Amino acid sequence: QVQLVESGGGLVQAGGSLRLSCAASGLPFTVYTMGWYRQAPGKQRELVAGITTGGLTNYSDSVKGRFTISRDNAKNTVSLQMNSLKPEDTAVYYCAARRGNYGAYNNWGQGTQVTVSS
């Protein structure tokens, strides 16, 4: 079955950087769109960034220009480079996957905590 395992979360000061990684297994990675979601306490889960099978990317307005999503099809991994972090970026970050370039994400990792202190 599909497995998504995130790593790289932690505690960082405002203005700092973190890099999240997600290792995917049990799926033909190259035909899956990959994404990163986050959920802060008391808030709904929101899409942070996505990258299609062809490498097209999209970002939420709140992270555009600060975060970069990338994928390595040879290693079945997707990464999220997060720069200029703000306290409002504090959340549990989830790796997500969906087959093809359309539809809802339906595969999820267990999440990794990112905490940005002011």
PDB file of N, CA and C in Angstrom:
ATOM      1  N   GLN A   1       0.831  -1.189   0.000  1.00  0.00           N
ATOM      2  CA  GLN A   1       0.000   0.000   0.000  1.00  0.00           C
ATOM      3  C   GLN A   1       0.876   1.253   0.000  1.00  0.00           C
ATOM      4  N   VAL A   2       0.241   2.375  -0.284  1.00  0.00           N
ATOM      5  CA  VAL A   2       0.984   3.629  -0.338  1.00  0.00           C
ATOM      6  C   VAL A   2       1.436   4.032   1.059  1.00  0.00           C
ATOM      7  N   GLN A   3       2.706   4.373   1.152  1.00  0.00           N
ATOM      8  CA  GLN A   3       3.256   4.883   2.413  1.00  0.00           C
ATOM      9  C   GLN A   3       3.974   6.190   2.149  1.00  0.00           C
ATOM     10  N   LEU A   4       3.667   7.183   2.961  1.00  0.00           N
ATOM     11  CA  LEU A   4       4.335   8.479   2.883  1.00  0.00           C
ATOM     12  C   LEU A   4       4.918   8.779   4.260  1.00  0.00           C
ATOM     13  N   VAL A   5       6.212   9.011   4.314  1.00  0.00           N
ATOM     14  CA  VAL A   5       6.884   9.235   5.594  1.00  0.00           C
ATOM     15  C   VAL A   5       7.607  10.565   5.554  1.00  0.00           C
ATOM     16  N   GLU A   6       7.152  11.493   6.409  1.00  0.00           N
ATOM     17  CA  GLU A   6       7.755  12.819   6.463  1.00  0.00           C
ATOM     18  C   GLU A   6       8.912  12.864   7.450  1.00  0.00           C
ATOM     19  N   SER A   7       9.816  13.783   7.211  1.00  0.00           N
ATOM     20  CA  SER A   7      10.917  14.036   8.138  1.00  0.00           C
ATOM     21  C   SER A   7      11.349  15.487   7.973  1.00  0.00           C
ATOM     22  N   GLY A   8      12.073  15.985   8.975  1.00  0.00           N
ATOM     23  CA  GLY A   8      12.664  17.312   8.861  1.00  0.00           C
ATOM     24  C   GLY A   8      12.001  18.402   9.669  1.00  0.00           C
ATOM     25  N   GLY A   9      10.910  18.086  10.364  1.00  0.00           N
ATOM     26  CA  GLY A   9      10.273  19.105  11.184  1.00  0.00           C
ATOM     27  C   GLY A   9      11.115  19.451  12.394  1.00  0.00           C
ATOM     28  N   GLY A  10      10.687  20.468  13.130  1.00  0.00           N
ATOM     29  CA  GLY A  10      11.411  20.857  14.323  1.00  0.00           C
ATOM     30  C   GLY A  10      11.061  22.254  14.770  1.00  0.00           C
ATOM     31  N   LEU A  11      11.912  22.781  15.641  1.00  0.00           N
ATOM     32  CA  LEU A  11      11.727  24.112  16.204  1.00  0.00           C
ATOM     33  C   LEU A  11      12.753  25.049  15.589  1.00  0.00           C
ATOM     34  N   VAL A  12      12.287  26.198  15.126  1.00  0.00           N
ATOM     35  CA  VAL A  12      13.179  27.175  14.504  1.00  0.00           C
ATOM     36  C   VAL A  12      12.719  28.568  14.882  1.00  0.00           C
ATOM     37  N   GLN A  13      13.655  29.505  14.910  1.00  0.00           N
ATOM     38  CA  GLN A  13      13.298  30.887  15.191  1.00  0.00           C
ATOM     39  C   GLN A  13      12.727  31.554  13.952  1.00  0.00           C
ATOM     40  N   ALA A  14      11.918  32.568  14.184  1.00  0.00           N
ATOM     41  CA  ALA A  14      11.370  33.337  13.070  1.00  0.00           C
ATOM     42  C   ALA A  14      12.509  33.851  12.194  1.00  0.00           C
ATOM     43  N   GLY A  15      12.301  33.756  10.886  1.00  0.00           N
ATOM     44  CA  GLY A  15      13.326  34.150   9.935  1.00  0.00           C
ATOM     45  C   GLY A  15      14.229  33.009   9.512  1.00  0.00           C
ATOM     46  N   GLY A  16      14.139  31.901  10.199  1.00  0.00           N
ATOM     47  CA  GLY A  16      14.978  30.752   9.887  1.00  0.00           C
ATOM     48  C   GLY A  16      14.411  29.890   8.778  1.00  0.00           C
ATOM     49  N   SER A  17      15.078  28.765   8.557  1.00  0.00           N
ATOM     50  CA  SER A  17      14.705  27.856   7.472  1.00  0.00           C
ATOM     51  C   SER A  17      14.614  26.424   7.974  1.00  0.00           C
ATOM     52  N   LEU A  18      13.781  25.658   7.311  1.00  0.00           N
ATOM     53  CA  LEU A  18      13.684  24.215   7.519  1.00  0.00           C
ATOM     54  C   LEU A  18      13.423  23.564   6.175  1.00  0.00           C
ATOM     55  N   ARG A  19      13.828  22.306   6.069  1.00  0.00           N
ATOM     56  CA  ARG A  19      13.547  21.538   4.859  1.00  0.00           C
ATOM     57  C   ARG A  19      12.834  20.262   5.265  1.00  0.00           C
ATOM     58  N   LEU A  20      11.638  20.090   4.762  1.00  0.00           N
ATOM     59  CA  LEU A  20      10.871  18.874   4.998  1.00  0.00           C
ATOM     60  C   LEU A  20      11.070  17.927   3.828  1.00  0.00           C
ATOM     61  N   SER A  21      11.109  16.649   4.132  1.00  0.00           N
ATOM     62  CA  SER A  21      11.199  15.628   3.094  1.00  0.00           C
ATOM     63  C   SER A  21      10.114  14.590   3.308  1.00  0.00           C
ATOM     64  N   CYS A  22       9.705  13.987   2.222  1.00  0.00           N
ATOM     65  CA  CYS A  22       8.698  12.929   2.268  1.00  0.00           C
ATOM     66  C   CYS A  22       9.167  11.792   1.372  1.00  0.00           C
ATOM     67  N   ALA A  23       9.303  10.618   1.960  1.00  0.00           N
ATOM     68  CA  ALA A  23       9.685   9.430   1.202  1.00  0.00           C
ATOM     69  C   ALA A  23       8.436   8.627   0.891  1.00  0.00           C
ATOM     70  N   ALA A  24       8.222   8.359  -0.378  1.00  0.00           N
ATOM     71  CA  ALA A  24       7.028   7.640  -0.820  1.00  0.00           C
ATOM     72  C   ALA A  24       7.383   6.224  -1.235  1.00  0.00           C
ATOM     73  N   SER A  25       6.517   5.289  -0.902  1.00  0.00           N
ATOM     74  CA  SER A  25       6.699   3.896  -1.335  1.00  0.00           C
ATOM     75  C   SER A  25       5.348   3.284  -1.629  1.00  0.00           C
ATOM     76  N   GLY A  26       5.371   2.179  -2.375  1.00  0.00           N
ATOM     77  CA  GLY A  26       4.136   1.475  -2.690  1.00  0.00           C
ATOM     78  C   GLY A  26       3.299   2.128  -3.770  1.00  0.00           C
ATOM     79  N   LEU A  27       3.890   2.993  -4.565  1.00  0.00           N
ATOM     80  CA  LEU A  27       3.151   3.661  -5.640  1.00  0.00           C
ATOM     81  C   LEU A  27       4.095   3.960  -6.805  1.00  0.00           C
ATOM     82  N   PRO A  28       3.524   4.038  -8.015  1.00  0.00           N
ATOM     83  CA  PRO A  28       4.350   4.468  -9.161  1.00  0.00           C
ATOM     84  C   PRO A  28       4.533   5.976  -9.082  1.00  0.00           C
ATOM     85  N   PHE A  29       5.602   6.410  -8.447  1.00  0.00           N
ATOM     86  CA  PHE A  29       5.765   7.794  -8.012  1.00  0.00           C
ATOM     87  C   PHE A  29       5.613   8.790  -9.152  1.00  0.00           C
ATOM     88  N   THR A  30       6.103   8.454 -10.313  1.00  0.00           N
ATOM     89  CA  THR A  30       6.126   9.428 -11.406  1.00  0.00           C
ATOM     90  C   THR A  30       4.738   9.804 -11.911  1.00  0.00           C
ATOM     91  N   VAL A  31       3.718   9.012 -11.607  1.00  0.00           N
ATOM     92  CA  VAL A  31       2.373   9.348 -12.066  1.00  0.00           C
ATOM     93  C   VAL A  31       1.516   9.938 -10.959  1.00  0.00           C
ATOM     94  N   TYR A  32       2.153  10.287  -9.850  1.00  0.00           N
ATOM     95  CA  TYR A  32       1.443  10.871  -8.724  1.00  0.00           C
ATOM     96  C   TYR A  32       1.806  12.343  -8.559  1.00  0.00           C
ATOM     97  N   THR A  33       0.770  13.159  -8.405  1.00  0.00           N
ATOM     98  CA  THR A  33       0.969  14.533  -7.950  1.00  0.00           C
ATOM     99  C   THR A  33       1.231  14.493  -6.451  1.00  0.00           C
ATOM    100  N   MET A  34       2.194  15.282  -6.010  1.00  0.00           N
ATOM    101  CA  MET A  34       2.561  15.309  -4.599  1.00  0.00           C
ATOM    102  C   MET A  34       2.285  16.694  -4.016  1.00  0.00           C
ATOM    103  N   GLY A  35       1.941  16.708  -2.742  1.00  0.00           N
ATOM    104  CA  GLY A  35       1.650  17.994  -2.119  1.00  0.00           C
ATOM    105  C   GLY A  35       2.034  18.016  -0.656  1.00  0.00           C
ATOM    106  N   TRP A  36       2.054  19.214  -0.136  1.00  0.00           N
ATOM    107  CA  TRP A  36       2.241  19.444   1.303  1.00  0.00           C
ATOM    108  C   TRP A  36       1.050  20.240   1.820  1.00  0.00           C
ATOM    109  N   TYR A  37       0.462  19.730   2.879  1.00  0.00           N
ATOM    110  CA  TYR A  37      -0.605  20.410   3.586  1.00  0.00           C
ATOM    111  C   TYR A  37      -0.098  20.755   4.978  1.00  0.00           C
ATOM    112  N   ARG A  38      -0.803  21.638   5.653  1.00  0.00           N
ATOM    113  CA  ARG A  38      -0.504  21.914   7.055  1.00  0.00           C
ATOM    114  C   ARG A  38      -1.800  22.163   7.814  1.00  0.00           C
ATOM    115  N   GLN A  39      -1.734  21.887   9.107  1.00  0.00           N
ATOM    116  CA  GLN A  39      -2.881  22.123   9.979  1.00  0.00           C
ATOM    117  C   GLN A  39      -2.386  22.698  11.294  1.00  0.00           C
ATOM    118  N   ALA A  40      -2.822  23.913  11.573  1.00  0.00           N
ATOM    119  CA  ALA A  40      -2.504  24.566  12.831  1.00  0.00           C
ATOM    120  C   ALA A  40      -3.613  24.270  13.831  1.00  0.00           C
ATOM    121  N   PRO A  41      -3.316  24.373  15.122  1.00  0.00           N
ATOM    122  CA  PRO A  41      -4.345  24.098  16.136  1.00  0.00           C
ATOM    123  C   PRO A  41      -5.594  24.957  15.928  1.00  0.00           C
ATOM    124  N   GLY A  42      -6.741  24.307  15.915  1.00  0.00           N
ATOM    125  CA  GLY A  42      -8.000  25.020  15.767  1.00  0.00           C
ATOM    126  C   GLY A  42      -8.326  25.481  14.367  1.00  0.00           C
ATOM    127  N   LYS A  43      -7.491  25.095  13.407  1.00  0.00           N
ATOM    128  CA  LYS A  43      -7.725  25.524  12.019  1.00  0.00           C
ATOM    129  C   LYS A  43      -7.890  24.318  11.107  1.00  0.00           C
ATOM    130  N   GLN A  44      -8.451  24.582   9.938  1.00  0.00           N
ATOM    131  CA  GLN A  44      -8.609  23.512   8.950  1.00  0.00           C
ATOM    132  C   GLN A  44      -7.277  23.223   8.274  1.00  0.00           C
ATOM    133  N   ARG A  45      -7.162  22.012   7.789  1.00  0.00           N
ATOM    134  CA  ARG A  45      -5.985  21.645   7.008  1.00  0.00           C
ATOM    135  C   ARG A  45      -5.999  22.431   5.703  1.00  0.00           C
ATOM    136  N   GLU A  46      -4.854  22.972   5.323  1.00  0.00           N
ATOM    137  CA  GLU A  46      -4.785  23.779   4.110  1.00  0.00           C
ATOM    138  C   GLU A  46      -3.631  23.317   3.227  1.00  0.00           C
ATOM    139  N   LEU A  47      -3.844  23.441   1.923  1.00  0.00           N
ATOM    140  CA  LEU A  47      -2.788  23.103   0.974  1.00  0.00           C
ATOM    141  C   LEU A  47      -1.719  24.186   1.005  1.00  0.00           C
ATOM    142  N   VAL A  48      -0.481  23.773   1.161  1.00  0.00           N
ATOM    143  CA  VAL A  48       0.648  24.692   1.163  1.00  0.00           C
ATOM    144  C   VAL A  48       1.269  24.762  -0.222  1.00  0.00           C
ATOM    145  N   ALA A  49       1.533  23.603  -0.808  1.00  0.00           N
ATOM    146  CA  ALA A  49       2.184  23.562  -2.119  1.00  0.00           C
ATOM    147  C   ALA A  49       1.921  22.215  -2.765  1.00  0.00           C
ATOM    148  N   GLY A  50       1.931  22.211  -4.094  1.00  0.00           N
ATOM    149  CA  GLY A  50       1.768  20.970  -4.837  1.00  0.00           C
ATOM    150  C   GLY A  50       2.692  20.949  -6.032  1.00  0.00           C
ATOM    151  N   ILE A  51       3.016  19.740  -6.497  1.00  0.00           N
ATOM    152  CA  ILE A  51       3.845  19.596  -7.681  1.00  0.00           C
ATOM    153  C   ILE A  51       3.294  18.436  -8.498  1.00  0.00           C
ATOM    154  N   THR A  52       3.017  18.702  -9.766  1.00  0.00           N
ATOM    155  CA  THR A  52       2.384  17.704 -10.613  1.00  0.00           C
ATOM    156  C   THR A  52       3.396  16.692 -11.127  1.00  0.00           C
ATOM    157  N   THR A  53       2.875  15.722 -11.852  1.00  0.00           N
ATOM    158  CA  THR A  53       3.750  14.704 -12.441  1.00  0.00           C
ATOM    159  C   THR A  53       4.748  15.336 -13.402  1.00  0.00           C
ATOM    160  N   GLY A  54       4.365  16.436 -14.016  1.00  0.00           N
ATOM    161  CA  GLY A  54       5.249  17.107 -14.960  1.00  0.00           C
ATOM    162  C   GLY A  54       6.112  18.188 -14.344  1.00  0.00           C
ATOM    163  N   GLY A  55       6.006  18.366 -13.042  1.00  0.00           N
ATOM    164  CA  GLY A  55       6.851  19.333 -12.348  1.00  0.00           C
ATOM    165  C   GLY A  55       6.262  20.723 -12.195  1.00  0.00           C
ATOM    166  N   LEU A  56       5.002  20.906 -12.579  1.00  0.00           N
ATOM    167  CA  LEU A  56       4.366  22.205 -12.374  1.00  0.00           C
ATOM    168  C   LEU A  56       4.045  22.369 -10.893  1.00  0.00           C
ATOM    169  N   THR A  57       4.261  23.577 -10.389  1.00  0.00           N
ATOM    170  CA  THR A  57       4.070  23.809  -8.967  1.00  0.00           C
ATOM    171  C   THR A  57       2.982  24.852  -8.710  1.00  0.00           C
ATOM    172  N   ASN A  58       2.377  24.757  -7.538  1.00  0.00           N
ATOM    173  CA  ASN A  58       1.461  25.790  -7.079  1.00  0.00           C
ATOM    174  C   ASN A  58       1.643  25.966  -5.591  1.00  0.00           C
ATOM    175  N   TYR A  59       1.373  27.185  -5.123  1.00  0.00           N
ATOM    176  CA  TYR A  59       1.594  27.537  -3.728  1.00  0.00           C
ATOM    177  C   TYR A  59       0.410  28.343  -3.194  1.00  0.00           C
ATOM    178  N   SER A  60       0.181  28.226  -1.901  1.00  0.00           N
ATOM    179  CA  SER A  60      -0.781  29.114  -1.273  1.00  0.00           C
ATOM    180  C   SER A  60      -0.182  30.515  -1.236  1.00  0.00           C
ATOM    181  N   ASP A  61      -1.036  31.506  -1.230  1.00  0.00           N
ATOM    182  CA  ASP A  61      -0.552  32.894  -1.226  1.00  0.00           C
ATOM    183  C   ASP A  61       0.305  33.174   0.004  1.00  0.00           C
ATOM    184  N   SER A  62       0.010  32.498   1.106  1.00  0.00           N
ATOM    185  CA  SER A  62       0.703  32.793   2.356  1.00  0.00           C
ATOM    186  C   SER A  62       2.163  32.340   2.351  1.00  0.00           C
ATOM    187  N   VAL A  63       2.523  31.443   1.448  1.00  0.00           N
ATOM    188  CA  VAL A  63       3.902  30.938   1.437  1.00  0.00           C
ATOM    189  C   VAL A  63       4.636  31.249   0.137  1.00  0.00           C
ATOM    190  N   LYS A  64       3.926  31.820  -0.828  1.00  0.00           N
ATOM    191  CA  LYS A  64       4.541  32.104  -2.123  1.00  0.00           C
ATOM    192  C   LYS A  64       5.760  33.002  -1.948  1.00  0.00           C
ATOM    193  N   GLY A  65       6.851  32.618  -2.586  1.00  0.00           N
ATOM    194  CA  GLY A  65       8.087  33.389  -2.479  1.00  0.00           C
ATOM    195  C   GLY A  65       8.966  32.984  -1.312  1.00  0.00           C
ATOM    196  N   ARG A  66       8.442  32.203  -0.388  1.00  0.00           N
ATOM    197  CA  ARG A  66       9.222  31.763   0.774  1.00  0.00           C
ATOM    198  C   ARG A  66       9.465  30.254   0.767  1.00  0.00           C
ATOM    199  N   PHE A  67       8.510  29.497   0.256  1.00  0.00           N
ATOM    200  CA  PHE A  67       8.602  28.037   0.241  1.00  0.00           C
ATOM    201  C   PHE A  67       8.817  27.550  -1.184  1.00  0.00           C
ATOM    202  N   THR A  68       9.546  26.443  -1.314  1.00  0.00           N
ATOM    203  CA  THR A  68       9.764  25.824  -2.618  1.00  0.00           C
ATOM    204  C   THR A  68       9.549  24.326  -2.513  1.00  0.00           C
ATOM    205  N   ILE A  69       8.674  23.806  -3.357  1.00  0.00           N
ATOM    206  CA  ILE A  69       8.444  22.364  -3.407  1.00  0.00           C
ATOM    207  C   ILE A  69       9.235  21.779  -4.578  1.00  0.00           C
ATOM    208  N   SER A  70       9.771  20.586  -4.365  1.00  0.00           N
ATOM    209  CA  SER A  70      10.514  19.922  -5.434  1.00  0.00           C
ATOM    210  C   SER A  70      10.335  18.416  -5.283  1.00  0.00           C
ATOM    211  N   ARG A  71      10.600  17.696  -6.357  1.00  0.00           N
ATOM    212  CA  ARG A  71      10.477  16.246  -6.307  1.00  0.00           C
ATOM    213  C   ARG A  71      11.688  15.617  -6.974  1.00  0.00           C
ATOM    214  N   ASP A  72      12.054  14.439  -6.485  1.00  0.00           N
ATOM    215  CA  ASP A  72      13.140  13.655  -7.057  1.00  0.00           C
ATOM    216  C   ASP A  72      12.544  12.314  -7.443  1.00  0.00           C
ATOM    217  N   ASN A  73      12.248  12.156  -8.721  1.00  0.00           N
ATOM    218  CA  ASN A  73      11.586  10.935  -9.175  1.00  0.00           C
ATOM    219  C   ASN A  73      12.501   9.708  -9.074  1.00  0.00           C
ATOM    220  N   ALA A  74      13.787   9.911  -9.067  1.00  0.00           N
ATOM    221  CA  ALA A  74      14.716   8.780  -8.941  1.00  0.00           C
ATOM    222  C   ALA A  74      14.722   8.221  -7.522  1.00  0.00           C
ATOM    223  N   LYS A  75      14.437   9.097  -6.555  1.00  0.00           N
ATOM    224  CA  LYS A  75      14.473   8.681  -5.148  1.00  0.00           C
ATOM    225  C   LYS A  75      13.084   8.576  -4.523  1.00  0.00           C
ATOM    226  N   ASN A  76      12.042   8.835  -5.317  1.00  0.00           N
ATOM    227  CA  ASN A  76      10.663   8.806  -4.798  1.00  0.00           C
ATOM    228  C   ASN A  76      10.489   9.717  -3.582  1.00  0.00           C
ATOM    229  N   THR A  77      11.009  10.914  -3.693  1.00  0.00           N
ATOM    230  CA  THR A  77      10.891  11.859  -2.593  1.00  0.00           C
ATOM    231  C   THR A  77      10.348  13.207  -3.075  1.00  0.00           C
ATOM    232  N   VAL A  78       9.695  13.889  -2.169  1.00  0.00           N
ATOM    233  CA  VAL A  78       9.261  15.258  -2.409  1.00  0.00           C
ATOM    234  C   VAL A  78       9.710  16.080  -1.204  1.00  0.00           C
ATOM    235  N   SER A  79      10.175  17.284  -1.472  1.00  0.00           N
ATOM    236  CA  SER A  79      10.712  18.133  -0.416  1.00  0.00           C
ATOM    237  C   SER A  79      10.012  19.479  -0.400  1.00  0.00           C
ATOM    238  N   LEU A  80      10.072  20.116   0.759  1.00  0.00           N
ATOM    239  CA  LEU A  80       9.542  21.460   0.908  1.00  0.00           C
ATOM    240  C   LEU A  80      10.608  22.282   1.618  1.00  0.00           C
ATOM    241  N   GLN A  81      11.233  23.184   0.887  1.00  0.00           N
ATOM    242  CA  GLN A  81      12.205  24.102   1.466  1.00  0.00           C
ATOM    243  C   GLN A  81      11.449  25.318   1.964  1.00  0.00           C
ATOM    244  N   MET A  82      11.586  25.593   3.261  1.00  0.00           N
ATOM    245  CA  MET A  82      10.841  26.684   3.878  1.00  0.00           C
ATOM    246  C   MET A  82      11.825  27.725   4.400  1.00  0.00           C
ATOM    247  N   ASN A  83      11.766  28.912   3.825  1.00  0.00           N
ATOM    248  CA  ASN A  83      12.637  30.003   4.221  1.00  0.00           C
ATOM    249  C   ASN A  83      11.825  31.143   4.821  1.00  0.00           C
ATOM    250  N   SER A  84      12.517  32.036   5.504  1.00  0.00           N
ATOM    251  CA  SER A  84      11.863  33.204   6.108  1.00  0.00           C
ATOM    252  C   SER A  84      10.632  32.800   6.898  1.00  0.00           C
ATOM    253  N   LEU A  85      10.802  31.802   7.734  1.00  0.00           N
ATOM    254  CA  LEU A  85       9.666  31.259   8.480  1.00  0.00           C
ATOM    255  C   LEU A  85       9.105  32.273   9.465  1.00  0.00           C
ATOM    256  N   LYS A  86       7.797  32.191   9.626  1.00  0.00           N
ATOM    257  CA  LYS A  86       7.066  33.092  10.513  1.00  0.00           C
ATOM    258  C   LYS A  86       6.346  32.274  11.576  1.00  0.00           C
ATOM    259  N   PRO A  87       6.042  32.859  12.715  1.00  0.00           N
ATOM    260  CA  PRO A  87       5.296  32.115  13.743  1.00  0.00           C
ATOM    261  C   PRO A  87       3.987  31.530  13.210  1.00  0.00           C
ATOM    262  N   GLU A  88       3.354  32.214  12.283  1.00  0.00           N
ATOM    263  CA  GLU A  88       2.089  31.699  11.728  1.00  0.00           C
ATOM    264  C   GLU A  88       2.281  30.494  10.820  1.00  0.00           C
ATOM    265  N   ASP A  89       3.508  30.118  10.544  1.00  0.00           N
ATOM    266  CA  ASP A  89       3.774  28.879   9.800  1.00  0.00           C
ATOM    267  C   ASP A  89       3.759  27.661  10.725  1.00  0.00           C
ATOM    268  N   THR A  90       3.658  27.892  12.017  1.00  0.00           N
ATOM    269  CA  THR A  90       3.616  26.788  12.984  1.00  0.00           C
ATOM    270  C   THR A  90       2.405  25.908  12.717  1.00  0.00           C
ATOM    271  N   ALA A  91       2.657  24.618  12.533  1.00  0.00           N
ATOM    272  CA  ALA A  91       1.591  23.672  12.200  1.00  0.00           C
ATOM    273  C   ALA A  91       2.183  22.271  12.097  1.00  0.00           C
ATOM    274  N   VAL A  92       1.299  21.300  12.002  1.00  0.00           N
ATOM    275  CA  VAL A  92       1.713  19.956  11.588  1.00  0.00           C
ATOM    276  C   VAL A  92       1.651  19.923  10.064  1.00  0.00           C
ATOM    277  N   TYR A  93       2.730  19.518   9.454  1.00  0.00           N
ATOM    278  CA  TYR A  93       2.831  19.473   7.999  1.00  0.00           C
ATOM    279  C   TYR A  93       2.678  18.033   7.523  1.00  0.00           C
ATOM    280  N   TYR A  94       1.820  17.848   6.524  1.00  0.00           N
ATOM    281  CA  TYR A  94       1.516  16.524   6.010  1.00  0.00           C
ATOM    282  C   TYR A  94       1.906  16.415   4.543  1.00  0.00           C
ATOM    283  N   CYS A  95       2.519  15.312   4.208  1.00  0.00           N
ATOM    284  CA  CYS A  95       2.766  14.968   2.821  1.00  0.00           C
ATOM    285  C   CYS A  95       1.514  14.293   2.265  1.00  0.00           C
ATOM    286  N   ALA A  96       1.182  14.602   1.016  1.00  0.00           N
ATOM    287  CA  ALA A  96      -0.021  14.038   0.405  1.00  0.00           C
ATOM    288  C   ALA A  96       0.279  13.635  -1.029  1.00  0.00           C
ATOM    289  N   ALA A  97      -0.521  12.690  -1.531  1.00  0.00           N
ATOM    290  CA  ALA A  97      -0.322  12.204  -2.893  1.00  0.00           C
ATOM    291  C   ALA A  97      -1.654  11.874  -3.533  1.00  0.00           C
ATOM    292  N   ARG A  98      -1.729  12.076  -4.850  1.00  0.00           N
ATOM    293  CA  ARG A  98      -2.904  11.652  -5.608  1.00  0.00           C
ATOM    294  C   ARG A  98      -2.421  11.183  -6.974  1.00  0.00           C
ATOM    295  N   ARG A  99      -3.094  10.218  -7.516  1.00  0.00           N
ATOM    296  CA  ARG A  99      -2.720   9.698  -8.824  1.00  0.00           C
ATOM    297  C   ARG A  99      -3.192  10.676  -9.896  1.00  0.00           C
ATOM    298  N   GLY A 100      -2.328  11.036 -10.781  1.00  0.00           N
ATOM    299  CA  GLY A 100      -2.671  11.963 -11.845  1.00  0.00           C
ATOM    300  C   GLY A 100      -2.622  13.401 -11.377  1.00  0.00           C
ATOM    301  N   ASN A 101      -3.097  14.288 -12.237  1.00  0.00           N
ATOM    302  CA  ASN A 101      -2.993  15.722 -11.971  1.00  0.00           C
ATOM    303  C   ASN A 101      -4.312  16.362 -11.553  1.00  0.00           C
ATOM    304  N   TYR A 102      -5.345  15.549 -11.337  1.00  0.00           N
ATOM    305  CA  TYR A 102      -6.641  16.128 -10.983  1.00  0.00           C
ATOM    306  C   TYR A 102      -7.255  15.339  -9.842  1.00  0.00           C
ATOM    307  N   GLY A 103      -8.211  15.978  -9.160  1.00  0.00           N
ATOM    308  CA  GLY A 103      -8.901  15.288  -8.087  1.00  0.00           C
ATOM    309  C   GLY A 103      -8.306  15.574  -6.734  1.00  0.00           C
ATOM    310  N   ALA A 104      -8.867  14.928  -5.737  1.00  0.00           N
ATOM    311  CA  ALA A 104      -8.459  15.158  -4.358  1.00  0.00           C
ATOM    312  C   ALA A 104      -7.255  14.299  -3.981  1.00  0.00           C
ATOM    313  N   TYR A 105      -6.453  14.838  -3.086  1.00  0.00           N
ATOM    314  CA  TYR A 105      -5.388  14.031  -2.517  1.00  0.00           C
ATOM    315  C   TYR A 105      -6.040  12.957  -1.645  1.00  0.00           C
ATOM    316  N   ASN A 106      -5.575  11.724  -1.773  1.00  0.00           N
ATOM    317  CA  ASN A 106      -6.213  10.644  -1.008  1.00  0.00           C
ATOM    318  C   ASN A 106      -5.210   9.721  -0.328  1.00  0.00           C
ATOM    319  N   ASN A 107      -3.972  10.154  -0.282  1.00  0.00           N
ATOM    320  CA  ASN A 107      -2.949   9.417   0.453  1.00  0.00           C
ATOM    321  C   ASN A 107      -2.202  10.418   1.333  1.00  0.00           C
ATOM    322  N   TRP A 108      -1.993  10.036   2.594  1.00  0.00           N
ATOM    323  CA  TRP A 108      -1.448  10.995   3.561  1.00  0.00           C
ATOM    324  C   TRP A 108      -0.346  10.370   4.405  1.00  0.00           C
ATOM    325  N   GLY A 109       0.607  11.214   4.763  1.00  0.00           N
ATOM    326  CA  GLY A 109       1.598  10.808   5.739  1.00  0.00           C
ATOM    327  C   GLY A 109       1.090  11.058   7.148  1.00  0.00           C
ATOM    328  N   GLN A 110       1.922  10.764   8.120  1.00  0.00           N
ATOM    329  CA  GLN A 110       1.512  10.896   9.512  1.00  0.00           C
ATOM    330  C   GLN A 110       1.707  12.304  10.055  1.00  0.00           C
ATOM    331  N   GLY A 111       2.453  13.119   9.329  1.00  0.00           N
ATOM    332  CA  GLY A 111       2.648  14.501   9.737  1.00  0.00           C
ATOM    333  C   GLY A 111       3.930  14.724  10.502  1.00  0.00           C
ATOM    334  N   THR A 112       4.455  15.944  10.390  1.00  0.00           N
ATOM    335  CA  THR A 112       5.636  16.332  11.144  1.00  0.00           C
ATOM    336  C   THR A 112       5.420  17.752  11.668  1.00  0.00           C
ATOM    337  N   GLN A 113       5.794  17.963  12.919  1.00  0.00           N
ATOM    338  CA  GLN A 113       5.530  19.250  13.569  1.00  0.00           C
ATOM    339  C   GLN A 113       6.597  20.274  13.192  1.00  0.00           C
ATOM    340  N   VAL A 114       6.127  21.449  12.818  1.00  0.00           N
ATOM    341  CA  VAL A 114       6.999  22.597  12.597  1.00  0.00           C
ATOM    342  C   VAL A 114       6.562  23.695  13.557  1.00  0.00           C
ATOM    343  N   THR A 115       7.487  24.166  14.368  1.00  0.00           N
ATOM    344  CA  THR A 115       7.196  25.223  15.328  1.00  0.00           C
ATOM    345  C   THR A 115       8.163  26.375  15.097  1.00  0.00           C
ATOM    346  N   VAL A 116       7.599  27.556  14.876  1.00  0.00           N
ATOM    347  CA  VAL A 116       8.409  28.744  14.634  1.00  0.00           C
ATOM    348  C   VAL A 116       8.216  29.692  15.811  1.00  0.00           C
ATOM    349  N   SER A 117       9.283  29.969  16.510  1.00  0.00           N
ATOM    350  CA  SER A 117       9.200  30.850  17.676  1.00  0.00           C
ATOM    351  C   SER A 117       9.494  32.289  17.273  1.00  0.00           C
ATOM    352  N   SER A 118       8.864  33.211  17.984  1.00  0.00           N
ATOM    353  CA  SER A 118       9.046  34.635  17.667  1.00  0.00           C
ATOM    354  C   SER A 118      10.189  35.240  18.458  1.00  0.00           C
TER     355      SER A 118
END
